[in-house]
Protein backbone atom coordinates (compact mmCIF):
# COMPACT_ATOMS: atom_id res chain seq x y z
CA MET A 1 -86.14 47.66 2.07
CA THR A 2 -85.48 44.95 -0.42
CA PRO A 3 -83.83 44.67 -3.42
CA VAL A 4 -86.99 44.00 -5.72
CA SER A 5 -88.96 47.14 -3.71
CA ARG A 6 -85.72 49.95 -4.17
CA ARG A 7 -85.73 49.07 -7.77
CA THR A 8 -89.65 49.38 -8.28
CA ARG A 9 -89.17 52.39 -6.62
CA ALA A 10 -86.17 53.59 -8.89
CA LEU A 11 -88.38 52.72 -12.00
CA SER A 12 -90.99 54.83 -11.10
CA VAL A 13 -89.28 57.72 -10.63
CA LEU A 14 -87.56 57.48 -13.65
CA ALA A 15 -91.09 57.21 -15.42
CA ALA A 16 -92.21 59.93 -13.70
CA LEU A 17 -89.41 62.01 -14.90
CA ALA A 18 -89.26 61.18 -18.21
CA ALA A 19 -93.26 62.30 -18.16
CA VAL A 20 -92.54 65.37 -17.22
CA LEU A 21 -89.67 65.95 -19.35
CA ALA A 22 -92.24 64.60 -21.96
CA VAL A 23 -94.67 66.77 -21.09
CA GLY A 24 -93.02 69.43 -18.82
CA LEU A 25 -95.18 71.83 -16.76
CA SER A 26 -96.33 73.82 -19.85
CA PRO A 27 -98.93 74.30 -22.19
CA ALA A 28 -100.18 71.43 -21.35
CA LEU A 29 -100.06 71.78 -17.44
CA ALA A 30 -100.89 74.75 -17.56
CA ASP A 31 -104.27 75.17 -18.32
CA THR A 32 -105.24 72.81 -15.53
CA ARG A 33 -105.79 75.74 -12.87
CA HIS A 34 -105.46 73.26 -9.53
CA SER A 35 -101.49 73.10 -10.19
CA GLY A 36 -98.88 75.81 -11.03
CA ASP A 37 -99.59 79.24 -12.18
CA LEU A 38 -99.98 80.79 -8.92
CA HIS A 39 -99.08 84.50 -10.73
CA LEU A 40 -102.73 84.04 -11.78
CA ALA A 41 -104.34 84.55 -8.22
CA SER A 42 -104.59 87.74 -6.08
CA ASP A 43 -106.01 88.16 -2.68
CA PRO A 44 -103.41 89.45 -0.83
CA ASP A 45 -106.19 90.73 2.12
CA TRP A 46 -108.51 88.09 2.57
CA MET A 47 -107.77 87.64 6.02
CA SER A 48 -109.05 91.26 7.08
CA ARG A 49 -112.03 90.55 6.26
CA LEU A 50 -112.41 88.05 9.11
CA PRO A 51 -113.46 88.97 12.49
CA ASP A 52 -110.61 89.99 14.95
CA GLY A 53 -111.88 87.10 17.19
CA THR A 54 -111.54 84.51 14.94
CA SER A 55 -109.42 81.46 16.12
CA LEU A 56 -106.35 80.51 13.22
CA ALA A 57 -107.67 77.06 14.23
CA ALA A 58 -111.35 77.88 12.91
CA LEU A 59 -109.31 78.91 9.55
CA SER A 60 -109.27 77.16 6.28
CA VAL A 61 -105.70 78.41 5.40
CA PRO A 62 -103.53 77.79 1.87
CA GLY A 63 -99.85 77.04 2.38
CA THR A 64 -96.87 75.52 0.54
CA HIS A 65 -94.84 72.61 1.66
CA ASP A 66 -91.02 73.18 1.25
CA THR A 67 -92.02 76.82 0.67
CA MET A 68 -88.49 77.56 -0.93
CA ALA A 69 -87.94 75.23 -2.86
CA TYR A 70 -88.79 76.87 -6.30
CA ASP A 71 -84.95 76.59 -7.60
CA ALA A 72 -84.30 73.21 -7.11
CA SER A 73 -83.46 69.94 -8.90
CA PRO A 74 -86.50 68.20 -10.21
CA VAL A 75 -86.63 65.91 -7.57
CA SER A 76 -86.67 68.62 -4.83
CA GLN A 77 -88.57 71.26 -6.61
CA THR A 78 -91.75 71.73 -5.13
CA GLN A 79 -93.12 75.21 -5.93
CA GLN A 80 -93.29 77.33 -8.77
CA SER A 81 -93.63 80.61 -7.69
CA PRO A 82 -91.37 82.65 -5.61
CA LEU A 83 -92.35 83.67 -1.97
CA PRO A 84 -94.08 87.09 -2.82
CA GLU A 85 -95.74 85.71 -5.48
CA GLN A 86 -97.43 82.81 -3.18
CA LEU A 87 -98.19 85.52 -0.37
CA ASP A 88 -100.17 88.06 -2.93
CA ALA A 89 -102.04 85.02 -4.24
CA GLY A 90 -103.29 84.17 -0.92
CA VAL A 91 -100.78 81.18 0.87
CA ARG A 92 -100.36 82.12 4.34
CA ALA A 93 -98.76 78.86 5.65
CA LEU A 94 -95.24 78.41 4.65
CA ASP A 95 -92.58 75.41 5.44
CA ILE A 96 -89.30 76.89 6.05
CA ARG A 97 -86.42 74.53 6.60
CA THR A 98 -83.57 75.80 7.89
CA ARG A 99 -80.06 74.01 8.17
CA HIS A 100 -77.65 75.79 10.78
CA HIS A 101 -74.37 75.96 9.43
CA ARG A 102 -71.79 78.31 10.38
CA ASP A 103 -74.34 79.95 12.70
CA VAL A 104 -76.51 81.31 10.16
CA PHE A 105 -79.70 79.54 8.62
CA PRO A 106 -79.57 78.17 5.17
CA ILE A 107 -82.36 77.30 3.55
CA HIS A 108 -82.37 73.47 2.74
CA HIS A 109 -84.33 70.72 1.11
CA GLY A 110 -82.43 68.05 2.88
CA SER A 111 -79.11 67.95 1.84
CA GLU A 112 -80.03 70.65 -1.40
CA PHE A 113 -79.37 74.12 -0.48
CA LEU A 114 -82.15 76.37 -2.08
CA ASN A 115 -80.16 79.37 -2.97
CA ALA A 116 -82.23 81.29 0.03
CA ASN A 117 -81.17 81.89 3.27
CA PHE A 118 -83.01 83.03 6.42
CA THR A 119 -83.05 86.49 5.69
CA ASP A 120 -84.59 86.42 2.61
CA VAL A 121 -88.00 84.60 4.01
CA VAL A 122 -87.98 87.07 6.76
CA VAL A 123 -87.47 90.41 4.36
CA ALA A 124 -90.01 88.54 2.11
CA ALA A 125 -92.80 87.88 5.01
CA THR A 126 -91.94 90.97 6.50
CA ASP A 127 -92.55 92.91 3.48
CA PHE A 128 -95.68 91.59 3.03
CA LEU A 129 -97.00 92.03 6.13
CA ARG A 130 -96.13 95.89 6.27
CA ALA A 131 -98.08 96.42 3.03
CA HIS A 132 -101.07 94.35 4.09
CA PRO A 133 -101.26 94.37 8.27
CA GLY A 134 -104.36 92.61 8.60
CA GLU A 135 -102.77 89.28 7.25
CA THR A 136 -100.63 86.62 9.40
CA VAL A 137 -97.95 84.33 7.87
CA LEU A 138 -98.06 81.50 9.52
CA MET A 139 -94.34 79.61 9.89
CA ARG A 140 -93.47 76.17 10.04
CA LEU A 141 -89.65 76.61 11.18
CA LYS A 142 -87.88 73.28 11.06
CA GLN A 143 -83.89 72.41 11.40
CA GLU A 144 -83.13 70.50 8.29
CA HIS A 145 -80.39 68.30 7.53
CA THR A 146 -77.09 68.36 9.79
CA ALA A 147 -75.83 70.78 11.52
CA GLU A 148 -71.85 71.84 11.30
CA GLU A 149 -69.30 74.35 11.96
CA ASN A 150 -71.33 76.35 14.64
CA THR A 151 -70.56 77.65 17.86
CA ARG A 152 -74.00 77.97 19.13
CA SER A 153 -77.30 76.50 19.29
CA TYR A 154 -80.11 76.36 16.97
CA GLU A 155 -82.21 78.34 19.66
CA GLU A 156 -79.17 80.99 20.04
CA THR A 157 -78.58 81.55 16.24
CA LEU A 158 -82.60 82.23 15.79
CA ASP A 159 -82.23 84.41 18.84
CA TRP A 160 -79.35 86.35 17.50
CA TYR A 161 -82.02 86.76 13.90
CA ILE A 162 -84.09 88.14 16.29
CA GLU A 163 -82.18 90.38 18.50
CA GLU A 164 -78.94 91.23 16.94
CA ASN A 165 -78.91 90.59 12.83
CA PRO A 166 -78.81 94.01 11.58
CA GLU A 167 -80.97 92.71 8.60
CA THR A 168 -83.80 90.61 10.66
CA SER A 169 -83.61 92.22 14.08
CA ALA A 170 -85.97 95.33 13.75
CA ARG A 171 -88.48 93.53 11.32
CA LEU A 172 -88.66 90.55 13.58
CA ARG A 173 -89.33 92.76 17.04
CA GLN A 174 -92.23 94.47 15.16
CA HIS A 175 -93.65 91.52 13.09
CA LEU A 176 -92.68 88.12 15.00
CA TRP A 177 -95.48 87.08 17.90
CA ARG A 178 -94.32 85.12 20.92
CA PRO A 179 -96.52 83.36 22.76
CA SER A 180 -96.83 83.69 26.66
CA ALA A 181 -94.88 81.39 28.71
CA GLY A 182 -95.10 77.90 28.05
CA ASP A 183 -98.56 78.51 26.39
CA GLY A 184 -99.06 75.87 23.42
CA GLY A 185 -102.75 77.49 22.32
CA ILE A 186 -103.29 78.92 19.31
CA PRO A 187 -103.88 82.63 18.95
CA THR A 188 -106.87 84.58 17.26
CA LEU A 189 -106.41 86.79 14.76
CA GLY A 190 -106.82 89.56 16.14
CA GLU A 191 -104.11 88.98 18.27
CA VAL A 192 -101.48 88.58 15.39
CA ARG A 193 -102.58 90.68 12.56
CA GLY A 194 -98.98 92.07 10.75
CA ARG A 195 -97.51 89.24 12.45
CA ILE A 196 -95.31 85.95 11.55
CA VAL A 197 -96.57 82.74 13.94
CA VAL A 198 -94.22 80.26 14.16
CA LEU A 199 -94.74 76.72 13.97
CA GLN A 200 -92.32 75.28 16.25
CA ASP A 201 -90.81 72.29 14.82
CA PHE A 202 -87.71 72.49 16.50
CA GLY A 203 -86.45 71.38 20.01
CA SER A 204 -86.09 74.66 22.41
CA GLY A 205 -86.74 74.79 26.27
CA ASP A 206 -88.56 78.70 25.26
CA ALA A 207 -91.73 78.94 23.10
CA TYR A 208 -91.70 80.36 19.73
CA GLY A 209 -95.27 79.73 18.93
CA PRO A 210 -97.32 76.31 19.17
CA ARG A 211 -95.36 73.23 18.67
CA TRP A 212 -95.79 71.64 15.24
CA ASN A 213 -97.57 68.59 16.18
CA GLY A 214 -98.11 69.17 19.96
CA ALA A 215 -101.27 69.24 21.69
CA ARG A 216 -102.92 72.01 19.95
CA MET A 217 -101.65 70.65 16.51
CA ASP A 218 -102.94 67.32 14.27
CA VAL A 219 -100.90 66.97 11.40
CA GLN A 220 -101.54 64.37 8.22
CA ASP A 221 -98.35 64.14 6.56
CA ASP A 222 -97.64 60.80 5.40
CA TYR A 223 -95.33 61.69 2.63
CA ASP A 224 -93.06 58.63 1.94
CA LEU A 225 -95.16 57.34 -1.23
CA PRO A 226 -93.61 54.11 -2.88
CA THR A 227 -94.75 54.94 -6.26
CA LEU A 228 -97.03 56.90 -8.43
CA PHE A 229 -99.55 54.59 -8.45
CA HIS A 230 -99.81 54.72 -4.64
CA VAL A 231 -101.54 58.36 -5.28
CA PRO A 232 -104.47 57.02 -4.06
CA GLN A 233 -103.81 55.67 -0.57
CA LYS A 234 -101.99 59.08 0.06
CA TRP A 235 -105.26 60.86 -0.95
CA ASP A 236 -107.16 58.63 1.43
CA ALA A 237 -105.10 60.14 3.98
CA ALA A 238 -105.66 63.64 3.10
CA ARG A 239 -109.36 63.10 2.37
CA ALA A 240 -109.59 61.25 6.16
CA HIS A 241 -107.64 64.38 7.58
CA PHE A 242 -110.05 66.81 5.92
CA GLU A 243 -113.21 64.63 7.25
CA ARG A 244 -111.34 64.90 10.97
CA THR A 245 -110.78 68.55 10.79
CA ASP A 246 -114.22 69.30 9.82
CA THR A 247 -115.90 67.74 12.95
CA GLY A 248 -112.66 67.83 15.04
CA ASP A 249 -111.69 70.58 18.36
CA SER A 250 -112.60 73.96 17.18
CA GLY A 251 -109.03 74.68 19.44
CA VAL A 252 -106.71 72.44 17.45
CA LEU A 253 -104.62 73.38 13.97
CA TYR A 254 -105.19 71.13 11.52
CA VAL A 255 -102.62 70.49 9.22
CA ASN A 256 -102.91 68.43 5.91
CA HIS A 257 -100.16 67.62 3.42
CA LEU A 258 -101.03 66.94 -0.40
CA SER A 259 -97.53 66.91 -0.85
CA ALA A 260 -95.78 63.43 -1.11
CA SER A 261 -92.28 61.83 -2.50
CA GLY A 262 -90.24 59.07 -2.98
CA GLY A 263 -91.17 56.61 -5.71
CA ALA A 264 -92.35 59.62 -7.92
CA LEU A 265 -91.35 63.37 -8.42
CA PRO A 266 -93.36 66.01 -6.76
CA SER A 267 -94.59 67.67 -9.55
CA SER A 268 -95.84 64.14 -10.65
CA ILE A 269 -97.83 63.63 -7.72
CA ALA A 270 -99.04 66.91 -7.31
CA TYR A 271 -100.06 67.64 -11.23
CA GLY A 272 -100.97 63.84 -11.89
CA ALA A 273 -98.60 61.87 -14.97
CA LEU A 274 -99.05 58.83 -16.54
CA GLY A 275 -102.65 58.56 -16.38
CA VAL A 276 -102.54 59.22 -12.26
CA GLU A 277 -105.03 61.98 -11.60
CA GLY A 278 -102.77 64.05 -9.07
CA MET A 279 -103.04 65.18 -5.32
CA ASN A 280 -104.33 68.89 -6.16
CA SER A 281 -106.95 68.01 -8.54
CA ARG A 282 -108.38 65.36 -6.44
CA ALA A 283 -108.38 68.30 -3.95
CA LEU A 284 -109.81 70.84 -5.61
CA ASP A 285 -112.66 68.35 -7.04
CA TYR A 286 -113.39 67.37 -3.08
CA LEU A 287 -113.13 70.91 -1.64
CA ALA A 288 -115.16 72.50 -4.49
CA ALA A 289 -118.34 70.05 -3.78
CA GLY A 290 -118.63 71.38 -0.38
CA ASN A 291 -117.95 68.39 1.19
CA VAL A 292 -116.20 69.68 4.49
CA GLN A 293 -116.83 73.48 6.03
CA ARG A 294 -113.50 73.91 7.23
CA THR A 295 -110.29 73.00 5.42
CA GLY A 296 -107.86 73.74 7.98
CA VAL A 297 -104.14 74.57 7.03
CA VAL A 298 -103.38 72.83 3.15
CA MET A 299 -99.84 72.22 2.40
CA ALA A 300 -99.39 71.53 -0.79
CA ASP A 301 -96.75 71.51 -3.35
CA PHE A 302 -97.28 73.61 -7.10
CA PRO A 303 -100.81 74.80 -5.68
CA GLY A 304 -102.52 76.26 -8.57
CA PRO A 305 -105.29 79.46 -8.47
CA ASP A 306 -108.29 77.60 -8.36
CA LEU A 307 -106.93 75.44 -5.18
CA VAL A 308 -105.78 78.37 -3.22
CA GLU A 309 -108.87 80.49 -3.94
CA THR A 310 -111.31 77.46 -3.48
CA VAL A 311 -109.59 76.61 0.14
CA ILE A 312 -109.67 80.71 0.97
CA ALA A 313 -113.51 80.48 0.17
CA HIS A 314 -114.41 78.00 2.74
CA ASN A 315 -114.04 80.71 5.17
CA PHE A 316 -116.87 82.72 3.93
CA GLY A 317 -119.12 80.15 3.09
């Protein structure tokens, strides 16, 4: 990157931060319903209304990018609601980023620790599934940041959570779906109700779930935005992926990220700022207009109640 482009990106971040500090995330932004205030939505059992034979790939699924980044610095924060509130609202796809440190999995956004660990995620997800056994939770599991001070591999630590850790093993034995050996296919709802489906974004000889961006997945994640004023280009990528999802292979799980960062804060990109319409508003208007029948998995920063409800509604139209 040239000195000029670095300076432009830095100025864009500072301008976006100034805009957020000037208006806040409420009350002005609280009225949008495309972003934030997820507690206003509640649809904890929407999957239970769908037939068992429905492939997860056929669904329209609201998701959260960097799910646990609700207690984070402004540069890293991507969510307003904690995990139980997200799940109650109807979110069913999670983005869980685990650093391998001292043989456990603290949750990170890059180098920033998010004041949570993998046990917290497992407890929240399985508590929800016990209360709503007709649902399933898709969980992208990603190895994040640097691995340090470990005596075993990432895979061995994950197996410890599944098989030995007293806080998680019984929960995961009951609620973690595991595919047949070597099977990277996408399961049906009937196969995974009451279970977590791992979207495997880490290296392993064993299959814990469909491989992230593997043969049965198609992921749009153009996350690096030079400045806030490049949001229209990011929207072009997201809209093109919605179109590809709608006409694409019914056996492929399509994952579309509305999120981005780099030259602007995640909140500014999601909500909009400085006269630039945000990604969530663009997506809500596009989907509410009935442009596609299937959205795939929609991963968003700060999704609002109307955005989540509109994605869910595509399963019943």
